[in-house]
């Protein structure tokens, strides 16, 4: 009944494979602002899930590629599915902020 929630969003990369890419990719953190403030990956821009889903055209450019992250990879996967279906180029960050081995920014 809810198979659509489990469909692959397409491209995915492990959070710990991002080192060396910060500042070279468009990294979007879809967690809520209070979660983002506790700690986020370097250069990540915070656009909460509900905001990005309701106003994607305001925040994103369909000609650019975006890496989408959340705490565990669940919300980012859902966001990627919706954005991809609407013509955006997105890559899900599996593992999320919670599995990142590097230092988080505050």
PDB file of N, CA and C in Angstrom:
ATOM      1  N   UNK A   1       0.820  -1.200   0.000  1.00  0.00           N
ATOM      2  CA  UNK A   1       0.000   0.000   0.000  1.00  0.00           C
ATOM      3  C   UNK A   1       0.862   1.261   0.000  1.00  0.00           C
ATOM      4  N   UNK A   2       1.987   1.258   0.714  1.00  0.00           N
ATOM      5  CA  UNK A   2       2.843   2.433   0.793  1.00  0.00           C
ATOM      6  C   UNK A   2       4.183   2.203   0.099  1.00  0.00           C
ATOM      7  N   UNK A   3       4.187   1.415  -0.965  1.00  0.00           N
ATOM      8  CA  UNK A   3       5.419   1.104  -1.666  1.00  0.00           C
ATOM      9  C   UNK A   3       6.147   2.351  -2.151  1.00  0.00           C
ATOM     10  N   UNK A   4       5.403   3.399  -2.493  1.00  0.00           N
ATOM     11  CA  UNK A   4       6.023   4.614  -2.999  1.00  0.00           C
ATOM     12  C   UNK A   4       7.005   5.221  -1.997  1.00  0.00           C
ATOM     13  N   UNK A   5       6.809   4.947  -0.709  1.00  0.00           N
ATOM     14  CA  UNK A   5       7.714   5.482   0.305  1.00  0.00           C
ATOM     15  C   UNK A   5       9.071   4.788   0.295  1.00  0.00           C
ATOM     16  N   UNK A   6       9.126   3.603  -0.296  1.00  0.00           N
ATOM     17  CA  UNK A   6      10.349   2.816  -0.250  1.00  0.00           C
ATOM     18  C   UNK A   6      11.066   2.743  -1.588  1.00  0.00           C
ATOM     19  N   UNK A   7      10.565   3.419  -2.595  1.00  0.00           N
ATOM     20  CA  UNK A   7      11.222   3.429  -3.890  1.00  0.00           C
ATOM     21  C   UNK A   7      12.530   4.192  -3.786  1.00  0.00           C
ATOM     22  N   UNK A   8      13.505   3.744  -4.540  1.00  0.00           N
ATOM     23  CA  UNK A   8      14.803   4.407  -4.549  1.00  0.00           C
ATOM     24  C   UNK A   8      14.669   5.794  -5.146  1.00  0.00           C
ATOM     25  N   UNK A   9      15.348   6.732  -4.553  1.00  0.00           N
ATOM     26  CA  UNK A   9      15.333   8.099  -5.062  1.00  0.00           C
ATOM     27  C   UNK A   9      16.342   8.258  -6.193  1.00  0.00           C
ATOM     28  N   UNK A  10      17.008   7.173  -6.560  1.00  0.00           N
ATOM     29  CA  UNK A  10      18.011   7.263  -7.620  1.00  0.00           C
ATOM     30  C   UNK A  10      19.393   7.241  -7.026  1.00  0.00           C
ATOM     31  N   UNK A  11      20.207   8.181  -7.422  1.00  0.00           N
ATOM     32  CA  UNK A  11      21.595   8.229  -6.977  1.00  0.00           C
ATOM     33  C   UNK A  11      21.694   8.441  -5.475  1.00  0.00           C
ATOM     34  N   UNK A  12      22.694   7.782  -4.896  1.00  0.00           N
ATOM     35  CA  UNK A  12      22.937   7.895  -3.467  1.00  0.00           C
ATOM     36  C   UNK A  12      24.434   7.778  -3.220  1.00  0.00           C
ATOM     37  N   UNK A  13      24.911   8.471  -2.198  1.00  0.00           N
ATOM     38  CA  UNK A  13      26.316   8.390  -1.806  1.00  0.00           C
ATOM     39  C   UNK A  13      26.378   8.351  -0.289  1.00  0.00           C
ATOM     40  N   UNK A  14      27.331   7.594   0.245  1.00  0.00           N
ATOM     41  CA  UNK A  14      27.494   7.497   1.683  1.00  0.00           C
ATOM     42  C   UNK A  14      28.047   8.803   2.235  1.00  0.00           C
ATOM     43  N   UNK A  15      27.555   9.213   3.378  1.00  0.00           N
ATOM     44  CA  UNK A  15      27.954  10.484   3.986  1.00  0.00           C
ATOM     45  C   UNK A  15      29.467  10.587   4.174  1.00  0.00           C
ATOM     46  N   UNK A  16      30.124   9.479   4.455  1.00  0.00           N
ATOM     47  CA  UNK A  16      31.562   9.519   4.707  1.00  0.00           C
ATOM     48  C   UNK A  16      32.404   9.511   3.433  1.00  0.00           C
ATOM     49  N   UNK A  17      31.747   9.569   2.284  1.00  0.00           N
ATOM     50  CA  UNK A  17      32.445   9.696   1.011  1.00  0.00           C
ATOM     51  C   UNK A  17      32.480  11.156   0.541  1.00  0.00           C
ATOM     52  N   UNK A  18      31.978  12.061   1.361  1.00  0.00           N
ATOM     53  CA  UNK A  18      31.897  13.472   0.980  1.00  0.00           C
ATOM     54  C   UNK A  18      33.140  14.290   1.301  1.00  0.00           C
ATOM     55  N   UNK A  19      34.002  13.780   2.154  1.00  0.00           N
ATOM     56  CA  UNK A  19      35.208  14.542   2.504  1.00  0.00           C
ATOM     57  C   UNK A  19      35.946  14.919   1.231  1.00  0.00           C
ATOM     58  N   UNK A  20      36.393  16.153   1.158  1.00  0.00           N
ATOM     59  CA  UNK A  20      37.072  16.655  -0.030  1.00  0.00           C
ATOM     60  C   UNK A  20      36.119  17.277  -1.032  1.00  0.00           C
ATOM     61  N   UNK A  21      34.808  17.099  -0.832  1.00  0.00           N
ATOM     62  CA  UNK A  21      33.817  17.670  -1.749  1.00  0.00           C
ATOM     63  C   UNK A  21      33.128  18.908  -1.182  1.00  0.00           C
ATOM     64  N   UNK A  22      33.316  19.158   0.116  1.00  0.00           N
ATOM     65  CA  UNK A  22      32.656  20.316   0.725  1.00  0.00           C
ATOM     66  C   UNK A  22      33.115  21.592   0.026  1.00  0.00           C
ATOM     67  N   UNK A  23      32.152  22.418  -0.323  1.00  0.00           N
ATOM     68  CA  UNK A  23      32.456  23.644  -1.050  1.00  0.00           C
ATOM     69  C   UNK A  23      32.436  23.452  -2.554  1.00  0.00           C
ATOM     70  N   UNK A  24      32.423  22.198  -3.004  1.00  0.00           N
ATOM     71  CA  UNK A  24      32.393  21.898  -4.440  1.00  0.00           C
ATOM     72  C   UNK A  24      31.032  21.361  -4.876  1.00  0.00           C
ATOM     73  N   UNK A  25      30.202  21.015  -3.897  1.00  0.00           N
ATOM     74  CA  UNK A  25      28.864  20.495  -4.179  1.00  0.00           C
ATOM     75  C   UNK A  25      27.829  21.394  -3.514  1.00  0.00           C
ATOM     76  N   UNK A  26      26.602  21.323  -4.007  1.00  0.00           N
ATOM     77  CA  UNK A  26      25.482  22.029  -3.388  1.00  0.00           C
ATOM     78  C   UNK A  26      24.858  21.080  -2.372  1.00  0.00           C
ATOM     79  N   UNK A  27      25.162  21.298  -1.103  1.00  0.00           N
ATOM     80  CA  UNK A  27      24.720  20.417  -0.029  1.00  0.00           C
ATOM     81  C   UNK A  27      23.564  21.053   0.726  1.00  0.00           C
ATOM     82  N   UNK A  28      22.421  20.368   0.722  1.00  0.00           N
ATOM     83  CA  UNK A  28      21.210  20.879   1.369  1.00  0.00           C
ATOM     84  C   UNK A  28      20.836  19.958   2.527  1.00  0.00           C
ATOM     85  N   UNK A  29      20.722  20.524   3.729  1.00  0.00           N
ATOM     86  CA  UNK A  29      20.315  19.800   4.931  1.00  0.00           C
ATOM     87  C   UNK A  29      18.830  20.073   5.142  1.00  0.00           C
ATOM     88  N   UNK A  30      17.995  19.016   5.064  1.00  0.00           N
ATOM     89  CA  UNK A  30      16.547  19.201   5.135  1.00  0.00           C
ATOM     90  C   UNK A  30      15.972  19.001   6.541  1.00  0.00           C
ATOM     91  N   UNK A  31      16.839  18.972   7.552  1.00  0.00           N
ATOM     92  CA  UNK A  31      16.349  18.866   8.927  1.00  0.00           C
ATOM     93  C   UNK A  31      15.769  20.208   9.384  1.00  0.00           C
ATOM     94  N   UNK A  32      15.112  20.171  10.506  1.00  0.00           N
ATOM     95  CA  UNK A  32      14.544  21.387  11.083  1.00  0.00           C
ATOM     96  C   UNK A  32      15.681  22.275  11.614  1.00  0.00           C
ATOM     97  N   UNK A  33      15.468  23.592  11.688  1.00  0.00           N
ATOM     98  CA  UNK A  33      16.522  24.505  12.138  1.00  0.00           C
ATOM     99  C   UNK A  33      17.147  24.142  13.484  1.00  0.00           C
ATOM    100  N   UNK A  34      16.343  23.672  14.434  1.00  0.00           N
ATOM    101  CA  UNK A  34      16.906  23.306  15.744  1.00  0.00           C
ATOM    102  C   UNK A  34      17.846  22.101  15.627  1.00  0.00           C
ATOM    103  N   UNK A  35      17.576  21.173  14.728  1.00  0.00           N
ATOM    104  CA  UNK A  35      18.472  20.032  14.507  1.00  0.00           C
ATOM    105  C   UNK A  35      19.759  20.491  13.829  1.00  0.00           C
ATOM    106  N   UNK A  36      19.608  21.364  12.852  1.00  0.00           N
ATOM    107  CA  UNK A  36      20.752  21.893  12.102  1.00  0.00           C
ATOM    108  C   UNK A  36      21.725  22.626  13.026  1.00  0.00           C
ATOM    109  N   UNK A  37      21.184  23.404  13.964  1.00  0.00           N
ATOM    110  CA  UNK A  37      22.024  24.188  14.875  1.00  0.00           C
ATOM    111  C   UNK A  37      22.848  23.313  15.810  1.00  0.00           C
ATOM    112  N   UNK A  38      22.383  22.116  16.108  1.00  0.00           N
ATOM    113  CA  UNK A  38      23.110  21.204  16.990  1.00  0.00           C
ATOM    114  C   UNK A  38      24.392  20.727  16.312  1.00  0.00           C
ATOM    115  N   UNK A  39      24.367  20.619  14.996  1.00  0.00           N
ATOM    116  CA  UNK A  39      25.547  20.219  14.239  1.00  0.00           C
ATOM    117  C   UNK A  39      25.190  19.822  12.824  1.00  0.00           C
ATOM    118  N   UNK A  40      25.970  20.312  11.856  1.00  0.00           N
ATOM    119  CA  UNK A  40      25.719  20.013  10.450  1.00  0.00           C
ATOM    120  C   UNK A  40      27.038  19.845   9.705  1.00  0.00           C
ATOM    121  N   UNK A  41      26.980  19.253   8.544  1.00  0.00           N
ATOM    122  CA  UNK A  41      28.173  19.070   7.734  1.00  0.00           C
ATOM    123  C   UNK A  41      28.663  20.418   7.218  1.00  0.00           C
ATOM    124  N   UNK A  42      29.973  20.533   7.028  1.00  0.00           N
ATOM    125  CA  UNK A  42      30.524  21.790   6.500  1.00  0.00           C
ATOM    126  C   UNK A  42      29.863  22.182   5.180  1.00  0.00           C
ATOM    127  N   UNK A  43      29.571  23.431   5.014  1.00  0.00           N
ATOM    128  CA  UNK A  43      28.981  24.083   3.839  1.00  0.00           C
ATOM    129  C   UNK A  43      27.516  23.720   3.580  1.00  0.00           C
ATOM    130  N   UNK A  44      26.893  22.915   4.461  1.00  0.00           N
ATOM    131  CA  UNK A  44      25.487  22.542   4.259  1.00  0.00           C
ATOM    132  C   UNK A  44      24.585  23.747   4.485  1.00  0.00           C
ATOM    133  N   UNK A  45      23.642  23.927   3.574  1.00  0.00           N
ATOM    134  CA  UNK A  45      22.646  24.987   3.684  1.00  0.00           C
ATOM    135  C   UNK A  45      21.367  24.359   4.231  1.00  0.00           C
ATOM    136  N   UNK A  46      20.749  24.986   5.217  1.00  0.00           N
ATOM    137  CA  UNK A  46      19.536  24.447   5.830  1.00  0.00           C
ATOM    138  C   UNK A  46      18.280  24.944   5.126  1.00  0.00           C
ATOM    139  N   UNK A  47      17.561  23.996   4.521  1.00  0.00           N
ATOM    140  CA  UNK A  47      16.237  24.260   3.964  1.00  0.00           C
ATOM    141  C   UNK A  47      15.362  23.102   4.444  1.00  0.00           C
ATOM    142  N   UNK A  48      14.538  23.312   5.479  1.00  0.00           N
ATOM    143  CA  UNK A  48      13.735  22.227   6.044  1.00  0.00           C
ATOM    144  C   UNK A  48      12.882  21.502   4.994  1.00  0.00           C
ATOM    145  N   UNK A  49      12.633  20.227   5.257  1.00  0.00           N
ATOM    146  CA  UNK A  49      11.918  19.368   4.318  1.00  0.00           C
ATOM    147  C   UNK A  49      10.615  19.973   3.810  1.00  0.00           C
ATOM    148  N   UNK A  50       9.760  20.430   4.702  1.00  0.00           N
ATOM    149  CA  UNK A  50       8.472  20.977   4.264  1.00  0.00           C
ATOM    150  C   UNK A  50       8.648  22.219   3.394  1.00  0.00           C
ATOM    151  N   UNK A  51       9.643  23.014   3.700  1.00  0.00           N
ATOM    152  CA  UNK A  51       9.907  24.224   2.919  1.00  0.00           C
ATOM    153  C   UNK A  51      10.395  23.876   1.517  1.00  0.00           C
ATOM    154  N   UNK A  52      11.365  22.985   1.429  1.00  0.00           N
ATOM    155  CA  UNK A  52      11.926  22.648   0.128  1.00  0.00           C
ATOM    156  C   UNK A  52      10.896  21.928  -0.752  1.00  0.00           C
ATOM    157  N   UNK A  53      10.045  21.129  -0.135  1.00  0.00           N
ATOM    158  CA  UNK A  53       9.027  20.431  -0.920  1.00  0.00           C
ATOM    159  C   UNK A  53       7.925  21.362  -1.406  1.00  0.00           C
ATOM    160  N   UNK A  54       7.600  22.367  -0.622  1.00  0.00           N
ATOM    161  CA  UNK A  54       6.522  23.273  -1.023  1.00  0.00           C
ATOM    162  C   UNK A  54       6.999  24.432  -1.899  1.00  0.00           C
ATOM    163  N   UNK A  55       8.307  24.749  -1.845  1.00  0.00           N
ATOM    164  CA  UNK A  55       8.824  25.899  -2.598  1.00  0.00           C
ATOM    165  C   UNK A  55      10.132  25.571  -3.312  1.00  0.00           C
ATOM    166  N   UNK A  56      10.231  24.373  -3.885  1.00  0.00           N
ATOM    167  CA  UNK A  56      11.479  23.934  -4.519  1.00  0.00           C
ATOM    168  C   UNK A  56      11.964  24.916  -5.582  1.00  0.00           C
ATOM    169  N   UNK A  57      11.063  25.415  -6.393  1.00  0.00           N
ATOM    170  CA  UNK A  57      11.462  26.337  -7.463  1.00  0.00           C
ATOM    171  C   UNK A  57      12.032  27.646  -6.929  1.00  0.00           C
ATOM    172  N   UNK A  58      11.676  28.017  -5.721  1.00  0.00           N
ATOM    173  CA  UNK A  58      12.199  29.238  -5.109  1.00  0.00           C
ATOM    174  C   UNK A  58      13.646  29.056  -4.650  1.00  0.00           C
ATOM    175  N   UNK A  59      13.988  27.839  -4.198  1.00  0.00           N
ATOM    176  CA  UNK A  59      15.296  27.590  -3.603  1.00  0.00           C
ATOM    177  C   UNK A  59      16.283  26.854  -4.503  1.00  0.00           C
ATOM    178  N   UNK A  60      15.782  26.117  -5.484  1.00  0.00           N
ATOM    179  CA  UNK A  60      16.643  25.274  -6.300  1.00  0.00           C
ATOM    180  C   UNK A  60      16.574  25.643  -7.778  1.00  0.00           C
ATOM    181  N   UNK A  61      17.628  25.322  -8.490  1.00  0.00           N
ATOM    182  CA  UNK A  61      17.752  25.562  -9.924  1.00  0.00           C
ATOM    183  C   UNK A  61      17.833  24.200 -10.608  1.00  0.00           C
ATOM    184  N   UNK A  62      16.938  23.923 -11.534  1.00  0.00           N
ATOM    185  CA  UNK A  62      16.899  22.615 -12.185  1.00  0.00           C
ATOM    186  C   UNK A  62      18.146  22.314 -13.011  1.00  0.00           C
ATOM    187  N   UNK A  63      18.947  23.312 -13.299  1.00  0.00           N
ATOM    188  CA  UNK A  63      20.169  23.063 -14.075  1.00  0.00           C
ATOM    189  C   UNK A  63      21.347  22.643 -13.190  1.00  0.00           C
ATOM    190  N   UNK A  64      21.156  22.710 -11.862  1.00  0.00           N
ATOM    191  CA  UNK A  64      22.231  22.350 -10.918  1.00  0.00           C
ATOM    192  C   UNK A  64      21.920  21.022 -10.239  1.00  0.00           C
ATOM    193  N   UNK A  65      22.963  20.411  -9.711  1.00  0.00           N
ATOM    194  CA  UNK A  65      22.814  19.161  -8.976  1.00  0.00           C
ATOM    195  C   UNK A  65      22.930  19.457  -7.478  1.00  0.00           C
ATOM    196  N   UNK A  66      22.101  18.775  -6.684  1.00  0.00           N
ATOM    197  CA  UNK A  66      22.073  18.987  -5.245  1.00  0.00           C
ATOM    198  C   UNK A  66      22.258  17.672  -4.497  1.00  0.00           C
ATOM    199  N   UNK A  67      23.034  17.717  -3.425  1.00  0.00           N
ATOM    200  CA  UNK A  67      23.202  16.597  -2.508  1.00  0.00           C
ATOM    201  C   UNK A  67      22.301  16.898  -1.313  1.00  0.00           C
ATOM    202  N   UNK A  68      21.405  15.964  -0.992  1.00  0.00           N
ATOM    203  CA  UNK A  68      20.401  16.177   0.046  1.00  0.00           C
ATOM    204  C   UNK A  68      20.704  15.290   1.250  1.00  0.00           C
ATOM    205  N   UNK A  69      20.752  15.916   2.446  1.00  0.00           N
ATOM    206  CA  UNK A  69      21.077  15.188   3.671  1.00  0.00           C
ATOM    207  C   UNK A  69      20.068  15.503   4.768  1.00  0.00           C
ATOM    208  N   UNK A  70      19.911  14.535   5.698  1.00  0.00           N
ATOM    209  CA  UNK A  70      19.108  14.740   6.906  1.00  0.00           C
ATOM    210  C   UNK A  70      19.851  14.060   8.057  1.00  0.00           C
ATOM    211  N   UNK A  71      19.165  13.617   9.073  1.00  0.00           N
ATOM    212  CA  UNK A  71      19.829  12.982  10.210  1.00  0.00           C
ATOM    213  C   UNK A  71      20.252  11.540   9.909  1.00  0.00           C
ATOM    214  N   UNK A  72      19.365  10.777   9.243  1.00  0.00           N
ATOM    215  CA  UNK A  72      19.647   9.354   9.017  1.00  0.00           C
ATOM    216  C   UNK A  72      19.619   8.932   7.557  1.00  0.00           C
ATOM    217  N   UNK A  73      19.019   9.729   6.708  1.00  0.00           N
ATOM    218  CA  UNK A  73      18.881   9.378   5.295  1.00  0.00           C
ATOM    219  C   UNK A  73      17.448   9.125   4.884  1.00  0.00           C
ATOM    220  N   UNK A  74      16.544   9.051   5.843  1.00  0.00           N
ATOM    221  CA  UNK A  74      15.144   8.771   5.550  1.00  0.00           C
ATOM    222  C   UNK A  74      14.430   9.979   4.931  1.00  0.00           C
ATOM    223  N   UNK A  75      14.482  11.113   5.623  1.00  0.00           N
ATOM    224  CA  UNK A  75      13.834  12.321   5.085  1.00  0.00           C
ATOM    225  C   UNK A  75      14.470  12.739   3.766  1.00  0.00           C
ATOM    226  N   UNK A  76      15.794  12.669   3.697  1.00  0.00           N
ATOM    227  CA  UNK A  76      16.472  13.084   2.465  1.00  0.00           C
ATOM    228  C   UNK A  76      16.078  12.189   1.299  1.00  0.00           C
ATOM    229  N   UNK A  77      15.872  10.909   1.549  1.00  0.00           N
ATOM    230  CA  UNK A  77      15.434   9.990   0.496  1.00  0.00           C
ATOM    231  C   UNK A  77      14.049  10.370  -0.011  1.00  0.00           C
ATOM    232  N   UNK A  78      13.154  10.694   0.902  1.00  0.00           N
ATOM    233  CA  UNK A  78      11.807  11.124   0.503  1.00  0.00           C
ATOM    234  C   UNK A  78      11.855  12.423  -0.286  1.00  0.00           C
ATOM    235  N   UNK A  79      12.662  13.360   0.187  1.00  0.00           N
ATOM    236  CA  UNK A  79      12.803  14.636  -0.520  1.00  0.00           C
ATOM    237  C   UNK A  79      13.357  14.401  -1.927  1.00  0.00           C
ATOM    238  N   UNK A  80      14.371  13.556  -2.024  1.00  0.00           N
ATOM    239  CA  UNK A  80      14.967  13.268  -3.336  1.00  0.00           C
ATOM    240  C   UNK A  80      13.946  12.665  -4.292  1.00  0.00           C
ATOM    241  N   UNK A  81      13.113  11.756  -3.797  1.00  0.00           N
ATOM    242  CA  UNK A  81      12.091  11.140  -4.645  1.00  0.00           C
ATOM    243  C   UNK A  81      11.157  12.188  -5.237  1.00  0.00           C
ATOM    244  N   UNK A  82      10.695  13.104  -4.392  1.00  0.00           N
ATOM    245  CA  UNK A  82       9.766  14.135  -4.846  1.00  0.00           C
ATOM    246  C   UNK A  82      10.463  15.116  -5.797  1.00  0.00           C
ATOM    247  N   UNK A  83      11.654  15.563  -5.426  1.00  0.00           N
ATOM    248  CA  UNK A  83      12.369  16.525  -6.265  1.00  0.00           C
ATOM    249  C   UNK A  83      12.727  15.927  -7.621  1.00  0.00           C
ATOM    250  N   UNK A  84      13.177  14.682  -7.618  1.00  0.00           N
ATOM    251  CA  UNK A  84      13.521  14.023  -8.882  1.00  0.00           C
ATOM    252  C   UNK A  84      12.293  13.916  -9.779  1.00  0.00           C
ATOM    253  N   UNK A  85      11.168  13.577  -9.203  1.00  0.00           N
ATOM    254  CA  UNK A  85       9.918  13.473  -9.969  1.00  0.00           C
ATOM    255  C   UNK A  85       9.506  14.820 -10.556  1.00  0.00           C
ATOM    256  N   UNK A  86      10.009  15.908  -9.969  1.00  0.00           N
ATOM    257  CA  UNK A  86       9.697  17.254 -10.448  1.00  0.00           C
ATOM    258  C   UNK A  86      10.817  17.858 -11.292  1.00  0.00           C
ATOM    259  N   UNK A  87      11.750  17.025 -11.719  1.00  0.00           N
ATOM    260  CA  UNK A  87      12.769  17.466 -12.663  1.00  0.00           C
ATOM    261  C   UNK A  87      14.060  18.001 -12.084  1.00  0.00           C
ATOM    262  N   UNK A  88      14.288  17.836 -10.788  1.00  0.00           N
ATOM    263  CA  UNK A  88      15.522  18.311 -10.171  1.00  0.00           C
ATOM    264  C   UNK A  88      16.570  17.202 -10.165  1.00  0.00           C
ATOM    265  N   UNK A  89      17.835  17.594 -10.224  1.00  0.00           N
ATOM    266  CA  UNK A  89      18.956  16.652 -10.176  1.00  0.00           C
ATOM    267  C   UNK A  89      19.407  16.558  -8.727  1.00  0.00           C
ATOM    268  N   UNK A  90      19.175  15.405  -8.113  1.00  0.00           N
ATOM    269  CA  UNK A  90      19.466  15.243  -6.694  1.00  0.00           C
ATOM    270  C   UNK A  90      20.200  13.931  -6.410  1.00  0.00           C
ATOM    271  N   UNK A  91      20.993  13.967  -5.362  1.00  0.00           N
ATOM    272  CA  UNK A  91      21.700  12.791  -4.866  1.00  0.00           C
ATOM    273  C   UNK A  91      21.421  12.695  -3.373  1.00  0.00           C
ATOM    274  N   UNK A  92      20.942  11.538  -2.937  1.00  0.00           N
ATOM    275  CA  UNK A  92      20.664  11.327  -1.523  1.00  0.00           C
ATOM    276  C   UNK A  92      21.958  10.981  -0.782  1.00  0.00           C
ATOM    277  N   UNK A  93      22.119  11.548   0.404  1.00  0.00           N
ATOM    278  CA  UNK A  93      23.269  11.243   1.251  1.00  0.00           C
ATOM    279  C   UNK A  93      22.841  10.180   2.256  1.00  0.00           C
ATOM    280  N   UNK A  94      23.228   8.935   2.007  1.00  0.00           N
ATOM    281  CA  UNK A  94      22.839   7.843   2.900  1.00  0.00           C
ATOM    282  C   UNK A  94      23.649   7.900   4.194  1.00  0.00           C
ATOM    283  N   UNK A  95      23.011   7.499   5.272  1.00  0.00           N
ATOM    284  CA  UNK A  95      23.649   7.553   6.591  1.00  0.00           C
ATOM    285  C   UNK A  95      23.362   8.846   7.318  1.00  0.00           C
ATOM    286  N   UNK A  96      23.261   9.934   6.568  1.00  0.00           N
ATOM    287  CA  UNK A  96      22.926  11.220   7.165  1.00  0.00           C
ATOM    288  C   UNK A  96      23.968  11.754   8.132  1.00  0.00           C
ATOM    289  N   UNK A  97      23.618  12.857   8.734  1.00  0.00           N
ATOM    290  CA  UNK A  97      24.499  13.533   9.683  1.00  0.00           C
ATOM    291  C   UNK A  97      24.859  12.625  10.863  1.00  0.00           C
ATOM    292  N   UNK A  98      23.931  11.778  11.260  1.00  0.00           N
ATOM    293  CA  UNK A  98      24.146  10.901  12.401  1.00  0.00           C
ATOM    294  C   UNK A  98      25.286   9.908  12.228  1.00  0.00           C
ATOM    295  N   UNK A  99      25.620   9.559  11.006  1.00  0.00           N
ATOM    296  CA  UNK A  99      26.699   8.588  10.759  1.00  0.00           C
ATOM    297  C   UNK A  99      27.986   9.242  10.269  1.00  0.00           C
ATOM    298  N   UNK A 100      27.994  10.555  10.190  1.00  0.00           N
ATOM    299  CA  UNK A 100      29.194  11.245   9.719  1.00  0.00           C
ATOM    300  C   UNK A 100      30.308  11.121  10.746  1.00  0.00           C
ATOM    301  N   UNK A 101      31.497  10.713  10.290  1.00  0.00           N
ATOM    302  CA  UNK A 101      32.632  10.490  11.196  1.00  0.00           C
ATOM    303  C   UNK A 101      33.478  11.734  11.415  1.00  0.00           C
ATOM    304  N   UNK A 102      33.269  12.734  10.594  1.00  0.00           N
ATOM    305  CA  UNK A 102      34.061  13.959  10.718  1.00  0.00           C
ATOM    306  C   UNK A 102      33.480  14.908  11.760  1.00  0.00           C
ATOM    307  N   UNK A 103      34.058  16.095  11.818  1.00  0.00           N
ATOM    308  CA  UNK A 103      33.584  17.126  12.752  1.00  0.00           C
ATOM    309  C   UNK A 103      32.426  17.885  12.159  1.00  0.00           C
ATOM    310  N   UNK A 104      31.394  18.049  12.944  1.00  0.00           N
ATOM    311  CA  UNK A 104      30.239  18.829  12.522  1.00  0.00           C
ATOM    312  C   UNK A 104      30.461  20.300  12.866  1.00  0.00           C
ATOM    313  N   UNK A 105      29.885  21.172  12.063  1.00  0.00           N
ATOM    314  CA  UNK A 105      29.930  22.609  12.358  1.00  0.00           C
ATOM    315  C   UNK A 105      28.709  22.963  13.187  1.00  0.00           C
ATOM    316  N   UNK A 106      28.873  24.017  13.973  1.00  0.00           N
ATOM    317  CA  UNK A 106      27.765  24.512  14.802  1.00  0.00           C
ATOM    318  C   UNK A 106      27.566  25.977  14.559  1.00  0.00           C
TER     319      UNK A 106
END
